Amino acid sequence: EQILHWSSLACPSNASLIIKKFPTVGLMGEGSKHSVNPSSPKINLEETSKGPVKAGYLKYKEEPSKLLSANKFQDRYFVLREGKLWLYKDMKSSKAEKAFPIRSLKVYLGVKKKLKPPTNWGLTLLSEKHHWYLCCDGQNSQLDWLNSIFMAQHKA
């Protein structure tokens, strides 16, 4: 849960960083190319001319809380496309409640325990003014979302 700060290490000059490839990374973005209606949130993982697209339900919480009552995690439908992560109340909603610009976000694996996340597989999204917390149903879903967000950040 602790973010790696090189300066906080006993001897930062001796530290090394190991980067490993996730097995699911090779599967992402290799789908068929389809035309997607940008106003429709009812889509699955695909590739479009405007970058990767992923959609699904996640548990969501934000700080400071503006949309959610009692500041608890709630189910929301998310769509990743056009360089943004779109938040809908549900799959049937035609208007997004929020749109997070992907390029400017810092993305971290996990959610602070003090927030009482409903699952162990979360993502923390940070902007200059806000913190958003997303919880996935399982590790595969978590890694798929993380990979899709990273792909969108570098293709947008």
N, C-alpha and C. Protein backbone atom coordinates (compact mmCIF):
# COMPACT_ATOMS: atom_id res chain seq x y z
N GLU A 1 0.80 -1.20 0.00
CA GLU A 1 0.00 0.00 0.00
C GLU A 1 0.84 1.26 0.00
N GLN A 2 2.09 1.18 0.41
CA GLN A 2 2.91 2.37 0.46
C GLN A 2 3.50 2.65 -0.92
N ILE A 3 3.39 3.90 -1.34
CA ILE A 3 3.96 4.32 -2.62
C ILE A 3 5.47 4.37 -2.46
N LEU A 4 6.16 3.86 -3.45
CA LEU A 4 7.62 3.82 -3.41
C LEU A 4 8.19 5.22 -3.60
N HIS A 5 8.90 5.69 -2.61
CA HIS A 5 9.62 6.96 -2.70
C HIS A 5 11.10 6.63 -2.59
N TRP A 6 11.85 6.90 -3.65
CA TRP A 6 13.27 6.56 -3.65
C TRP A 6 14.00 7.25 -2.50
N SER A 7 13.61 8.48 -2.18
CA SER A 7 14.31 9.22 -1.14
C SER A 7 14.09 8.64 0.25
N SER A 8 13.03 7.85 0.45
CA SER A 8 12.75 7.28 1.77
C SER A 8 13.50 5.96 2.00
N LEU A 9 14.18 5.47 1.00
CA LEU A 9 14.95 4.24 1.15
C LEU A 9 16.26 4.53 1.89
N ALA A 10 16.77 3.53 2.61
CA ALA A 10 18.01 3.71 3.37
C ALA A 10 19.17 4.13 2.47
N CYS A 11 19.30 3.48 1.35
CA CYS A 11 20.37 3.81 0.41
C CYS A 11 19.78 3.82 -1.00
N PRO A 12 19.17 4.94 -1.43
CA PRO A 12 18.48 4.98 -2.72
C PRO A 12 19.36 4.62 -3.91
N SER A 13 20.65 4.87 -3.82
CA SER A 13 21.52 4.58 -4.96
C SER A 13 21.69 3.08 -5.19
N ASN A 14 21.44 2.26 -4.17
CA ASN A 14 21.55 0.81 -4.31
C ASN A 14 20.23 0.14 -4.66
N ALA A 15 19.16 0.92 -4.75
CA ALA A 15 17.83 0.36 -5.01
C ALA A 15 17.69 0.01 -6.49
N SER A 16 16.89 -1.00 -6.76
CA SER A 16 16.61 -1.37 -8.14
C SER A 16 15.12 -1.62 -8.29
N LEU A 17 14.64 -1.47 -9.49
CA LEU A 17 13.23 -1.67 -9.78
C LEU A 17 13.11 -2.80 -10.79
N ILE A 18 12.29 -3.79 -10.47
CA ILE A 18 12.07 -4.91 -11.38
C ILE A 18 10.69 -4.76 -11.99
N ILE A 19 10.63 -4.83 -13.29
CA ILE A 19 9.35 -4.73 -14.00
C ILE A 19 9.07 -6.08 -14.63
N LYS A 20 7.89 -6.63 -14.29
CA LYS A 20 7.49 -7.93 -14.83
C LYS A 20 6.25 -7.75 -15.69
N LYS A 21 6.17 -8.54 -16.72
CA LYS A 21 5.02 -8.52 -17.61
C LYS A 21 3.92 -9.39 -17.02
N PHE A 22 2.69 -8.86 -16.98
CA PHE A 22 1.56 -9.67 -16.55
C PHE A 22 1.13 -10.56 -17.70
N PRO A 23 0.70 -11.79 -17.43
CA PRO A 23 0.27 -12.68 -18.52
C PRO A 23 -0.92 -12.13 -19.28
N THR A 24 -1.76 -11.32 -18.64
CA THR A 24 -2.95 -10.79 -19.31
C THR A 24 -2.62 -9.64 -20.25
N VAL A 25 -1.45 -9.04 -20.12
CA VAL A 25 -1.11 -7.89 -20.95
C VAL A 25 -1.13 -8.24 -22.42
N GLY A 26 -0.66 -9.40 -22.78
CA GLY A 26 -0.63 -9.81 -24.18
C GLY A 26 -2.01 -9.98 -24.78
N LEU A 27 -3.00 -10.23 -23.94
CA LEU A 27 -4.35 -10.45 -24.43
C LEU A 27 -5.10 -9.16 -24.67
N MET A 28 -4.67 -8.08 -24.04
CA MET A 28 -5.38 -6.82 -24.14
C MET A 28 -5.05 -6.12 -25.45
N GLY A 29 -6.03 -5.50 -26.04
CA GLY A 29 -5.81 -4.72 -27.23
C GLY A 29 -5.62 -5.53 -28.49
N GLU A 30 -5.78 -6.85 -28.43
CA GLU A 30 -5.62 -7.67 -29.62
C GLU A 30 -6.96 -8.07 -30.21
N GLY A 31 -8.03 -7.48 -29.68
CA GLY A 31 -9.37 -7.83 -30.16
C GLY A 31 -9.60 -7.31 -31.56
N SER A 32 -10.74 -7.67 -32.11
CA SER A 32 -11.06 -7.21 -33.45
C SER A 32 -11.41 -5.73 -33.43
N LYS A 33 -11.28 -5.08 -34.55
CA LYS A 33 -11.60 -3.66 -34.65
C LYS A 33 -13.06 -3.52 -35.03
N HIS A 34 -13.77 -2.71 -34.24
CA HIS A 34 -15.19 -2.48 -34.47
C HIS A 34 -15.48 -1.01 -34.39
N SER A 35 -16.54 -0.60 -35.04
CA SER A 35 -17.02 0.76 -34.90
C SER A 35 -17.88 0.82 -33.65
N VAL A 36 -17.63 1.81 -32.79
CA VAL A 36 -18.35 1.93 -31.54
C VAL A 36 -19.04 3.28 -31.49
N ASN A 37 -20.29 3.29 -31.11
CA ASN A 37 -21.02 4.54 -30.93
C ASN A 37 -20.55 5.18 -29.63
N PRO A 38 -19.87 6.36 -29.66
CA PRO A 38 -19.32 6.95 -28.46
C PRO A 38 -20.37 7.35 -27.43
N SER A 39 -21.62 7.54 -27.82
CA SER A 39 -22.63 7.94 -26.85
C SER A 39 -23.24 6.75 -26.13
N SER A 40 -22.94 5.54 -26.57
CA SER A 40 -23.51 4.35 -25.96
C SER A 40 -22.54 3.74 -24.95
N PRO A 41 -22.95 3.62 -23.68
CA PRO A 41 -22.07 3.01 -22.70
C PRO A 41 -22.09 1.49 -22.74
N LYS A 42 -22.97 0.88 -23.54
CA LYS A 42 -23.13 -0.57 -23.56
C LYS A 42 -22.13 -1.22 -24.51
N ILE A 43 -20.86 -1.24 -24.11
CA ILE A 43 -19.82 -1.80 -24.94
C ILE A 43 -18.88 -2.62 -24.09
N ASN A 44 -18.14 -3.51 -24.73
CA ASN A 44 -17.17 -4.33 -24.04
C ASN A 44 -15.78 -3.98 -24.54
N LEU A 45 -14.79 -4.73 -24.08
CA LEU A 45 -13.42 -4.45 -24.46
C LEU A 45 -13.25 -4.60 -25.96
N GLU A 46 -12.86 -3.52 -26.60
CA GLU A 46 -12.63 -3.50 -28.04
C GLU A 46 -11.54 -2.50 -28.33
N GLU A 47 -11.16 -2.39 -29.57
CA GLU A 47 -10.21 -1.40 -30.03
C GLU A 47 -10.95 -0.49 -30.99
N THR A 48 -10.82 0.80 -30.82
CA THR A 48 -11.42 1.75 -31.76
C THR A 48 -10.32 2.64 -32.30
N SER A 49 -10.68 3.49 -33.23
CA SER A 49 -9.69 4.41 -33.79
C SER A 49 -9.24 5.43 -32.74
N LYS A 50 -10.01 5.60 -31.68
CA LYS A 50 -9.66 6.58 -30.65
C LYS A 50 -9.04 5.91 -29.43
N GLY A 51 -8.60 4.69 -29.53
CA GLY A 51 -7.92 4.02 -28.44
C GLY A 51 -8.73 2.89 -27.85
N PRO A 52 -8.18 2.25 -26.82
CA PRO A 52 -8.82 1.08 -26.24
C PRO A 52 -10.15 1.42 -25.57
N VAL A 53 -11.04 0.46 -25.56
CA VAL A 53 -12.34 0.63 -24.93
C VAL A 53 -12.58 -0.54 -23.99
N LYS A 54 -13.00 -0.23 -22.79
CA LYS A 54 -13.36 -1.26 -21.81
C LYS A 54 -14.56 -0.73 -21.05
N ALA A 55 -15.44 -1.62 -20.66
CA ALA A 55 -16.63 -1.20 -19.92
C ALA A 55 -17.01 -2.26 -18.91
N GLY A 56 -17.62 -1.82 -17.81
CA GLY A 56 -18.11 -2.75 -16.81
C GLY A 56 -18.43 -2.07 -15.50
N TYR A 57 -19.06 -2.84 -14.62
CA TYR A 57 -19.41 -2.33 -13.30
C TYR A 57 -18.23 -2.44 -12.35
N LEU A 58 -18.02 -1.36 -11.58
CA LEU A 58 -17.01 -1.33 -10.52
C LEU A 58 -17.63 -0.67 -9.30
N LYS A 59 -17.10 -0.97 -8.14
CA LYS A 59 -17.51 -0.25 -6.93
C LYS A 59 -16.70 1.04 -6.90
N TYR A 60 -17.35 2.16 -6.58
CA TYR A 60 -16.74 3.47 -6.74
C TYR A 60 -16.93 4.32 -5.48
N LYS A 61 -15.89 5.08 -5.17
CA LYS A 61 -15.94 6.04 -4.06
C LYS A 61 -15.00 7.17 -4.43
N GLU A 62 -15.33 8.39 -3.99
CA GLU A 62 -14.44 9.51 -4.28
C GLU A 62 -14.20 10.34 -3.04
N GLU A 63 -13.10 11.07 -3.05
CA GLU A 63 -12.77 12.02 -1.99
C GLU A 63 -12.34 13.31 -2.64
N PRO A 64 -12.82 14.45 -2.24
CA PRO A 64 -13.97 14.61 -1.36
C PRO A 64 -15.24 14.16 -2.08
N SER A 65 -16.15 13.55 -1.33
CA SER A 65 -17.36 12.98 -1.92
C SER A 65 -18.30 14.07 -2.41
N LYS A 66 -18.72 13.95 -3.68
CA LYS A 66 -19.67 14.90 -4.26
C LYS A 66 -20.90 14.18 -4.78
N LEU A 67 -20.70 13.03 -5.40
CA LEU A 67 -21.82 12.32 -6.01
C LEU A 67 -22.49 11.33 -5.07
N LEU A 68 -21.72 10.76 -4.17
CA LEU A 68 -22.23 9.62 -3.42
C LEU A 68 -22.67 10.01 -2.01
N SER A 69 -23.80 9.50 -1.61
CA SER A 69 -24.29 9.75 -0.26
C SER A 69 -23.56 8.86 0.73
N ALA A 70 -23.35 9.35 1.92
CA ALA A 70 -22.72 8.62 3.02
C ALA A 70 -21.29 8.16 2.69
N ASN A 71 -20.75 8.62 1.59
CA ASN A 71 -19.36 8.36 1.23
C ASN A 71 -19.01 6.87 1.29
N LYS A 72 -19.88 6.00 0.79
CA LYS A 72 -19.63 4.56 0.74
C LYS A 72 -19.38 4.14 -0.71
N PHE A 73 -18.77 2.99 -0.87
CA PHE A 73 -18.57 2.44 -2.21
C PHE A 73 -19.93 2.08 -2.80
N GLN A 74 -20.15 2.47 -4.04
CA GLN A 74 -21.40 2.16 -4.71
C GLN A 74 -21.11 1.63 -6.11
N ASP A 75 -22.01 0.77 -6.61
CA ASP A 75 -21.86 0.23 -7.96
C ASP A 75 -22.08 1.33 -8.99
N ARG A 76 -21.15 1.43 -9.92
CA ARG A 76 -21.28 2.37 -11.04
C ARG A 76 -20.77 1.67 -12.29
N TYR A 77 -21.27 2.11 -13.43
CA TYR A 77 -20.86 1.55 -14.71
C TYR A 77 -19.80 2.47 -15.32
N PHE A 78 -18.65 1.91 -15.66
CA PHE A 78 -17.54 2.68 -16.21
C PHE A 78 -17.29 2.28 -17.65
N VAL A 79 -16.94 3.29 -18.46
CA VAL A 79 -16.57 3.07 -19.86
C VAL A 79 -15.26 3.82 -20.10
N LEU A 80 -14.28 3.11 -20.61
CA LEU A 80 -12.98 3.71 -20.93
C LEU A 80 -12.91 3.87 -22.44
N ARG A 81 -12.91 5.13 -22.91
CA ARG A 81 -12.79 5.41 -24.35
C ARG A 81 -12.45 6.87 -24.55
N GLU A 82 -11.91 7.17 -25.71
CA GLU A 82 -11.60 8.54 -26.12
C GLU A 82 -10.72 9.26 -25.11
N GLY A 83 -9.80 8.54 -24.46
CA GLY A 83 -8.89 9.16 -23.51
C GLY A 83 -9.52 9.54 -22.19
N LYS A 84 -10.74 9.06 -21.93
CA LYS A 84 -11.43 9.38 -20.68
C LYS A 84 -12.04 8.13 -20.08
N LEU A 85 -12.20 8.16 -18.77
CA LEU A 85 -12.93 7.12 -18.06
C LEU A 85 -14.28 7.73 -17.69
N TRP A 86 -15.33 7.24 -18.32
CA TRP A 86 -16.68 7.78 -18.16
C TRP A 86 -17.40 7.02 -17.05
N LEU A 87 -18.07 7.75 -16.17
CA LEU A 87 -18.82 7.17 -15.05
C LEU A 87 -20.31 7.35 -15.29
N TYR A 88 -21.04 6.24 -15.31
CA TYR A 88 -22.49 6.25 -15.48
C TYR A 88 -23.13 5.65 -14.23
N LYS A 89 -24.34 6.08 -13.93
CA LYS A 89 -25.05 5.51 -12.79
C LYS A 89 -25.28 4.02 -12.99
N ASP A 90 -25.66 3.64 -14.20
CA ASP A 90 -25.82 2.23 -14.55
C ASP A 90 -25.67 2.06 -16.05
N MET A 91 -25.79 0.83 -16.52
CA MET A 91 -25.58 0.52 -17.93
C MET A 91 -26.62 1.19 -18.83
N LYS A 92 -27.81 1.45 -18.30
CA LYS A 92 -28.88 2.02 -19.10
C LYS A 92 -28.81 3.53 -19.21
N SER A 93 -28.00 4.18 -18.39
CA SER A 93 -27.90 5.64 -18.40
C SER A 93 -27.35 6.13 -19.72
N SER A 94 -27.95 7.20 -20.22
CA SER A 94 -27.49 7.76 -21.49
C SER A 94 -26.53 8.93 -21.26
N LYS A 95 -26.53 9.50 -20.07
CA LYS A 95 -25.66 10.64 -19.78
C LYS A 95 -24.67 10.27 -18.67
N ALA A 96 -23.40 10.55 -18.92
CA ALA A 96 -22.36 10.25 -17.93
C ALA A 96 -22.44 11.24 -16.77
N GLU A 97 -22.21 10.74 -15.57
CA GLU A 97 -22.16 11.60 -14.38
C GLU A 97 -20.82 12.33 -14.31
N LYS A 98 -19.77 11.67 -14.75
CA LYS A 98 -18.42 12.24 -14.71
C LYS A 98 -17.59 11.68 -15.85
N ALA A 99 -16.54 12.40 -16.17
CA ALA A 99 -15.55 11.92 -17.13
C ALA A 99 -14.17 12.27 -16.58
N PHE A 100 -13.35 11.26 -16.35
CA PHE A 100 -12.01 11.48 -15.83
C PHE A 100 -11.02 11.49 -16.99
N PRO A 101 -10.25 12.57 -17.17
CA PRO A 101 -9.23 12.57 -18.22
C PRO A 101 -8.08 11.64 -17.83
N ILE A 102 -7.89 10.60 -18.60
CA ILE A 102 -6.94 9.53 -18.26
C ILE A 102 -5.49 10.01 -18.24
N ARG A 103 -5.12 10.87 -19.17
CA ARG A 103 -3.70 11.27 -19.28
C ARG A 103 -3.18 11.94 -18.03
N SER A 104 -4.03 12.69 -17.34
CA SER A 104 -3.56 13.45 -16.18
C SER A 104 -3.66 12.67 -14.87
N LEU A 105 -4.14 11.43 -14.90
CA LEU A 105 -4.32 10.66 -13.67
C LEU A 105 -3.09 9.84 -13.31
N LYS A 106 -2.84 9.73 -12.02
CA LYS A 106 -1.88 8.76 -11.51
C LYS A 106 -2.70 7.57 -11.05
N VAL A 107 -2.26 6.38 -11.41
CA VAL A 107 -3.02 5.17 -11.11
C VAL A 107 -2.18 4.26 -10.21
N TYR A 108 -2.77 3.83 -9.11
CA TYR A 108 -2.09 2.95 -8.16
C TYR A 108 -2.92 1.69 -7.95
N LEU A 109 -2.23 0.60 -7.75
CA LEU A 109 -2.87 -0.68 -7.46
C LEU A 109 -3.23 -0.70 -5.98
N GLY A 110 -4.50 -0.95 -5.66
CA GLY A 110 -4.93 -1.06 -4.28
C GLY A 110 -5.69 0.17 -3.79
N VAL A 111 -6.39 -0.03 -2.67
CA VAL A 111 -7.16 1.02 -2.01
C VAL A 111 -6.82 0.96 -0.52
N LYS A 112 -6.69 2.13 0.12
CA LYS A 112 -6.36 2.18 1.54
C LYS A 112 -7.38 1.40 2.37
N LYS A 113 -6.91 0.62 3.33
CA LYS A 113 -7.80 -0.19 4.16
C LYS A 113 -8.73 0.65 5.01
N LYS A 114 -8.30 1.85 5.40
CA LYS A 114 -9.15 2.69 6.25
C LYS A 114 -10.42 3.13 5.52
N LEU A 115 -10.45 3.00 4.19
CA LEU A 115 -11.65 3.34 3.42
C LEU A 115 -12.65 2.19 3.37
N LYS A 116 -12.26 1.05 3.95
CA LYS A 116 -13.11 -0.15 4.00
C LYS A 116 -13.59 -0.58 2.61
N PRO A 117 -12.64 -0.89 1.72
CA PRO A 117 -13.03 -1.32 0.37
C PRO A 117 -13.80 -2.64 0.43
N PRO A 118 -14.81 -2.80 -0.43
CA PRO A 118 -15.62 -4.02 -0.42
C PRO A 118 -14.89 -5.25 -0.97
N THR A 119 -13.80 -5.05 -1.70
CA THR A 119 -13.00 -6.17 -2.21
C THR A 119 -11.52 -5.86 -2.00
N ASN A 120 -10.68 -6.85 -2.20
CA ASN A 120 -9.24 -6.66 -2.08
C ASN A 120 -8.59 -6.21 -3.38
N TRP A 121 -9.37 -6.07 -4.43
CA TRP A 121 -8.81 -5.79 -5.76
C TRP A 121 -9.23 -4.40 -6.20
N GLY A 122 -8.49 -3.40 -5.75
CA GLY A 122 -8.86 -2.03 -6.04
C GLY A 122 -7.82 -1.27 -6.83
N LEU A 123 -8.25 -0.11 -7.31
CA LEU A 123 -7.38 0.84 -8.00
C LEU A 123 -7.63 2.21 -7.39
N THR A 124 -6.58 2.98 -7.24
CA THR A 124 -6.70 4.35 -6.76
C THR A 124 -6.29 5.27 -7.90
N LEU A 125 -7.16 6.21 -8.25
CA LEU A 125 -6.90 7.18 -9.30
C LEU A 125 -6.74 8.55 -8.65
N LEU A 126 -5.63 9.22 -8.92
CA LEU A 126 -5.36 10.51 -8.31
C LEU A 126 -5.23 11.60 -9.37
N SER A 127 -5.90 12.72 -9.11
CA SER A 127 -5.69 13.92 -9.91
C SER A 127 -5.17 14.97 -8.94
N GLU A 128 -5.00 16.20 -9.40
CA GLU A 128 -4.49 17.24 -8.52
C GLU A 128 -5.44 17.53 -7.36
N LYS A 129 -6.75 17.44 -7.60
CA LYS A 129 -7.72 17.84 -6.58
C LYS A 129 -8.54 16.70 -6.00
N HIS A 130 -8.56 15.54 -6.64
CA HIS A 130 -9.46 14.48 -6.22
C HIS A 130 -8.76 13.12 -6.15
N HIS A 131 -9.36 12.24 -5.34
CA HIS A 131 -8.95 10.84 -5.27
C HIS A 131 -10.19 10.01 -5.56
N TRP A 132 -10.04 9.06 -6.49
CA TRP A 132 -11.13 8.16 -6.82
C TRP A 132 -10.67 6.74 -6.54
N TYR A 133 -11.57 5.96 -5.98
CA TYR A 133 -11.25 4.58 -5.61
C TYR A 133 -12.21 3.65 -6.33
N LEU A 134 -11.64 2.66 -7.00
CA LEU A 134 -12.43 1.68 -7.74
C LEU A 134 -12.11 0.29 -7.20
N CYS A 135 -13.13 -0.52 -6.99
CA CYS A 135 -12.92 -1.90 -6.55
C CYS A 135 -13.49 -2.85 -7.59
N CYS A 136 -12.70 -3.83 -7.95
CA CYS A 136 -13.07 -4.83 -8.95
C CYS A 136 -13.52 -6.11 -8.26
N ASP A 137 -14.16 -6.99 -9.03
CA ASP A 137 -14.67 -8.26 -8.49
C ASP A 137 -13.56 -9.28 -8.23
N GLY A 138 -12.45 -9.16 -8.93
CA GLY A 138 -11.37 -10.13 -8.78
C GLY A 138 -10.07 -9.59 -9.32
N GLN A 139 -9.01 -10.36 -9.14
CA GLN A 139 -7.69 -9.93 -9.57
C GLN A 139 -7.60 -9.78 -11.09
N ASN A 140 -8.20 -10.69 -11.84
CA ASN A 140 -8.15 -10.58 -13.30
C ASN A 140 -8.82 -9.30 -13.77
N SER A 141 -9.95 -8.97 -13.19
CA SER A 141 -10.65 -7.73 -13.54
C SER A 141 -9.79 -6.52 -13.18
N GLN A 142 -9.16 -6.56 -12.01
CA GLN A 142 -8.30 -5.47 -11.57
C GLN A 142 -7.15 -5.25 -12.56
N LEU A 143 -6.50 -6.34 -12.95
CA LEU A 143 -5.37 -6.23 -13.88
C LEU A 143 -5.83 -5.79 -15.27
N ASP A 144 -7.00 -6.25 -15.70
CA ASP A 144 -7.55 -5.82 -16.99
C ASP A 144 -7.80 -4.32 -17.00
N TRP A 145 -8.43 -3.81 -15.94
CA TRP A 145 -8.70 -2.37 -15.86
C TRP A 145 -7.40 -1.57 -15.79
N LEU A 146 -6.46 -2.03 -14.98
CA LEU A 146 -5.18 -1.34 -14.85
C LEU A 146 -4.47 -1.28 -16.20
N ASN A 147 -4.41 -2.40 -16.89
CA ASN A 147 -3.76 -2.46 -18.19
C ASN A 147 -4.48 -1.57 -19.21
N SER A 148 -5.80 -1.60 -19.21
CA SER A 148 -6.57 -0.79 -20.16
C SER A 148 -6.36 0.70 -19.92
N ILE A 149 -6.29 1.09 -18.65
CA ILE A 149 -6.05 2.50 -18.32
C ILE A 149 -4.65 2.91 -18.77
N PHE A 150 -3.65 2.06 -18.50
CA PHE A 150 -2.29 2.37 -18.94
C PHE A 150 -2.21 2.48 -20.46
N MET A 151 -2.88 1.57 -21.15
CA MET A 151 -2.89 1.62 -22.62
C MET A 151 -3.53 2.92 -23.09
N ALA A 152 -4.62 3.32 -22.47
CA ALA A 152 -5.31 4.55 -22.86
C ALA A 152 -4.45 5.77 -22.58
N GLN A 153 -3.71 5.76 -21.48
CA GLN A 153 -2.84 6.88 -21.15
C GLN A 153 -1.75 7.08 -22.20
N HIS A 154 -1.27 6.00 -22.76
CA HIS A 154 -0.16 6.10 -23.70
C HIS A 154 -0.59 6.14 -25.15
N LYS A 155 -1.87 5.90 -25.42
CA LYS A 155 -2.37 5.99 -26.80
C LYS A 155 -3.16 7.26 -27.03
N ALA A 156 -3.60 7.90 -25.95
CA ALA A 156 -4.46 9.09 -26.08
C ALA A 156 -3.69 10.27 -26.59
